[in-house]
Amino acid sequence: MNLNVTQDNLYLFLPSKISWLADMLSEDKHVSIAEAVKEIYASDTYRHLEKEETKYWHLGPVALYEDLK
């Protein structure tokens, strides 16, 4: 079983990370989940998260949210 995270399998981590971020952002800014997701996808945080070499996928939801803010 391959347990290495690569650019090819990183996409498996992203939905749960985005879900956590969207919930926090929606609650914090009083916006819809859809608006929160749009903001996340347009952010520098997401651009870092989608690149394996940045290792942002190691970060938990709170650290990612702090970076997003």
N, C-alpha and C. Protein backbone atom coordinates (compact mmCIF):
# COMPACT_ATOMS: atom_id res chain seq x y z
N MET A 1 0.84 -1.18 0.00
CA MET A 1 0.00 0.00 0.00
C MET A 1 0.89 1.24 0.00
N ASN A 2 0.64 2.16 -0.93
CA ASN A 2 1.41 3.38 -1.06
C ASN A 2 0.85 4.45 -0.14
N LEU A 3 1.63 4.89 0.83
CA LEU A 3 1.20 5.90 1.78
C LEU A 3 1.86 7.25 1.52
N ASN A 4 2.53 7.39 0.39
CA ASN A 4 3.19 8.65 0.06
C ASN A 4 2.20 9.61 -0.57
N VAL A 5 2.24 10.88 -0.12
CA VAL A 5 1.41 11.91 -0.73
C VAL A 5 2.21 12.51 -1.87
N THR A 6 1.58 12.53 -3.04
CA THR A 6 2.20 13.11 -4.23
C THR A 6 1.21 14.09 -4.85
N GLN A 7 1.67 14.82 -5.84
CA GLN A 7 0.77 15.73 -6.54
C GLN A 7 -0.39 14.96 -7.18
N ASP A 8 -0.13 13.72 -7.55
CA ASP A 8 -1.16 12.90 -8.19
C ASP A 8 -2.27 12.43 -7.26
N ASN A 9 -2.00 12.31 -5.96
CA ASN A 9 -3.04 11.86 -5.04
C ASN A 9 -3.43 12.91 -4.00
N LEU A 10 -2.86 14.07 -4.07
CA LEU A 10 -3.16 15.14 -3.12
C LEU A 10 -4.64 15.50 -3.12
N TYR A 11 -5.28 15.39 -4.28
CA TYR A 11 -6.69 15.74 -4.40
C TYR A 11 -7.57 14.98 -3.40
N LEU A 12 -7.11 13.86 -2.90
CA LEU A 12 -7.88 13.09 -1.93
C LEU A 12 -8.02 13.81 -0.59
N PHE A 13 -7.07 14.67 -0.25
CA PHE A 13 -7.10 15.41 1.01
C PHE A 13 -7.94 16.68 0.94
N LEU A 14 -8.05 17.25 -0.23
CA LEU A 14 -8.63 18.59 -0.37
C LEU A 14 -10.10 18.72 0.03
N PRO A 15 -10.98 17.82 -0.33
CA PRO A 15 -12.39 18.02 0.03
C PRO A 15 -12.64 18.19 1.53
N SER A 16 -12.01 17.39 2.35
CA SER A 16 -12.24 17.53 3.79
C SER A 16 -11.65 18.83 4.33
N LYS A 17 -10.50 19.22 3.82
CA LYS A 17 -9.89 20.48 4.26
C LYS A 17 -10.76 21.67 3.85
N ILE A 18 -11.26 21.65 2.62
CA ILE A 18 -12.10 22.73 2.12
C ILE A 18 -13.42 22.77 2.90
N SER A 19 -13.95 21.61 3.22
CA SER A 19 -15.20 21.54 3.99
C SER A 19 -15.04 22.21 5.35
N TRP A 20 -13.98 21.87 6.06
CA TRP A 20 -13.72 22.48 7.37
C TRP A 20 -13.57 23.99 7.23
N LEU A 21 -12.77 24.42 6.25
CA LEU A 21 -12.55 25.86 6.06
C LEU A 21 -13.85 26.58 5.71
N ALA A 22 -14.65 25.99 4.85
CA ALA A 22 -15.90 26.62 4.45
C ALA A 22 -16.85 26.77 5.63
N ASP A 23 -16.94 25.76 6.46
CA ASP A 23 -17.79 25.86 7.65
C ASP A 23 -17.33 26.99 8.57
N MET A 24 -16.03 27.06 8.82
CA MET A 24 -15.51 28.10 9.71
C MET A 24 -15.69 29.49 9.11
N LEU A 25 -15.39 29.63 7.83
CA LEU A 25 -15.49 30.92 7.17
C LEU A 25 -16.95 31.37 7.08
N SER A 26 -17.85 30.46 6.77
CA SER A 26 -19.27 30.77 6.69
C SER A 26 -19.80 31.28 8.04
N GLU A 27 -19.42 30.60 9.09
CA GLU A 27 -19.86 30.99 10.43
C GLU A 27 -19.24 32.32 10.85
N ASP A 28 -17.97 32.49 10.59
CA ASP A 28 -17.24 33.69 11.01
C ASP A 28 -17.72 34.94 10.26
N LYS A 29 -17.95 34.81 8.96
CA LYS A 29 -18.32 35.97 8.14
C LYS A 29 -19.82 36.07 7.87
N HIS A 30 -20.58 35.11 8.37
CA HIS A 30 -22.03 35.09 8.16
C HIS A 30 -22.38 35.13 6.67
N VAL A 31 -21.73 34.25 5.92
CA VAL A 31 -22.02 34.10 4.49
C VAL A 31 -22.43 32.66 4.23
N SER A 32 -22.96 32.42 3.05
CA SER A 32 -23.37 31.06 2.71
C SER A 32 -22.13 30.18 2.50
N ILE A 33 -22.36 28.89 2.57
CA ILE A 33 -21.28 27.94 2.31
C ILE A 33 -20.74 28.15 0.90
N ALA A 34 -21.63 28.39 -0.06
CA ALA A 34 -21.20 28.60 -1.44
C ALA A 34 -20.28 29.82 -1.55
N GLU A 35 -20.62 30.90 -0.89
CA GLU A 35 -19.77 32.09 -0.90
C GLU A 35 -18.43 31.80 -0.23
N ALA A 36 -18.46 31.07 0.85
CA ALA A 36 -17.22 30.71 1.56
C ALA A 36 -16.32 29.87 0.67
N VAL A 37 -16.89 28.90 -0.02
CA VAL A 37 -16.11 28.04 -0.91
C VAL A 37 -15.49 28.87 -2.03
N LYS A 38 -16.26 29.79 -2.61
CA LYS A 38 -15.73 30.66 -3.66
C LYS A 38 -14.53 31.46 -3.15
N GLU A 39 -14.66 31.99 -1.94
CA GLU A 39 -13.57 32.77 -1.36
C GLU A 39 -12.33 31.91 -1.12
N ILE A 40 -12.54 30.70 -0.66
CA ILE A 40 -11.42 29.78 -0.42
C ILE A 40 -10.70 29.46 -1.72
N TYR A 41 -11.46 29.09 -2.75
CA TYR A 41 -10.83 28.73 -4.03
C TYR A 41 -10.10 29.89 -4.68
N ALA A 42 -10.47 31.12 -4.35
CA ALA A 42 -9.82 32.30 -4.92
C ALA A 42 -8.63 32.77 -4.07
N SER A 43 -8.35 32.08 -2.98
CA SER A 43 -7.33 32.54 -2.03
C SER A 43 -5.93 32.01 -2.32
N ASP A 44 -4.96 32.72 -1.77
CA ASP A 44 -3.57 32.24 -1.81
C ASP A 44 -3.43 30.95 -1.01
N THR A 45 -4.19 30.83 0.07
CA THR A 45 -4.14 29.62 0.88
C THR A 45 -4.46 28.39 0.04
N TYR A 46 -5.50 28.48 -0.79
CA TYR A 46 -5.86 27.34 -1.63
C TYR A 46 -4.77 27.08 -2.68
N ARG A 47 -4.21 28.13 -3.24
CA ARG A 47 -3.15 27.94 -4.23
C ARG A 47 -1.96 27.19 -3.61
N HIS A 48 -1.69 27.46 -2.33
CA HIS A 48 -0.62 26.73 -1.64
C HIS A 48 -1.07 25.30 -1.31
N LEU A 49 -2.32 25.17 -0.89
CA LEU A 49 -2.85 23.87 -0.49
C LEU A 49 -2.87 22.87 -1.64
N GLU A 50 -3.13 23.34 -2.85
CA GLU A 50 -3.23 22.41 -3.97
C GLU A 50 -1.88 22.00 -4.56
N LYS A 51 -0.79 22.53 -3.99
CA LYS A 51 0.56 22.14 -4.44
C LYS A 51 1.22 21.29 -3.37
N GLU A 52 1.53 20.07 -3.71
CA GLU A 52 2.08 19.13 -2.73
C GLU A 52 3.37 19.66 -2.11
N GLU A 53 4.22 20.31 -2.90
CA GLU A 53 5.53 20.71 -2.41
C GLU A 53 5.48 21.77 -1.30
N THR A 54 4.35 22.46 -1.14
CA THR A 54 4.23 23.45 -0.05
C THR A 54 3.99 22.78 1.30
N LYS A 55 3.52 21.54 1.25
CA LYS A 55 3.20 20.74 2.45
C LYS A 55 2.05 21.36 3.26
N TYR A 56 1.25 22.23 2.67
CA TYR A 56 0.09 22.79 3.37
C TYR A 56 -0.90 21.70 3.74
N TRP A 57 -0.89 20.58 3.03
CA TRP A 57 -1.80 19.50 3.35
C TRP A 57 -1.53 18.91 4.73
N HIS A 58 -0.35 19.22 5.29
CA HIS A 58 -0.03 18.80 6.66
C HIS A 58 -0.80 19.61 7.69
N LEU A 59 -1.18 20.81 7.33
CA LEU A 59 -1.80 21.73 8.29
C LEU A 59 -3.23 21.31 8.61
N GLY A 60 -3.61 21.56 9.85
CA GLY A 60 -4.97 21.29 10.27
C GLY A 60 -5.89 22.45 9.90
N PRO A 61 -7.19 22.27 10.13
CA PRO A 61 -8.16 23.28 9.73
C PRO A 61 -7.94 24.65 10.39
N VAL A 62 -7.58 24.67 11.65
CA VAL A 62 -7.39 25.94 12.33
C VAL A 62 -6.19 26.70 11.76
N ALA A 63 -5.10 26.01 11.54
CA ALA A 63 -3.92 26.66 10.95
C ALA A 63 -4.21 27.15 9.55
N LEU A 64 -4.92 26.37 8.77
CA LEU A 64 -5.29 26.80 7.42
C LEU A 64 -6.22 28.00 7.46
N TYR A 65 -7.14 28.00 8.41
CA TYR A 65 -8.07 29.14 8.53
C TYR A 65 -7.33 30.40 8.94
N GLU A 66 -6.39 30.28 9.84
CA GLU A 66 -5.59 31.44 10.24
C GLU A 66 -4.81 31.99 9.04
N ASP A 67 -4.29 31.10 8.23
CA ASP A 67 -3.58 31.53 7.02
C ASP A 67 -4.54 32.20 6.05
N LEU A 68 -5.74 31.69 5.94
CA LEU A 68 -6.75 32.23 5.05
C LEU A 68 -7.14 33.64 5.44
N LYS A 69 -7.24 33.88 6.75
CA LYS A 69 -7.63 35.21 7.23
C LYS A 69 -6.50 36.20 6.97
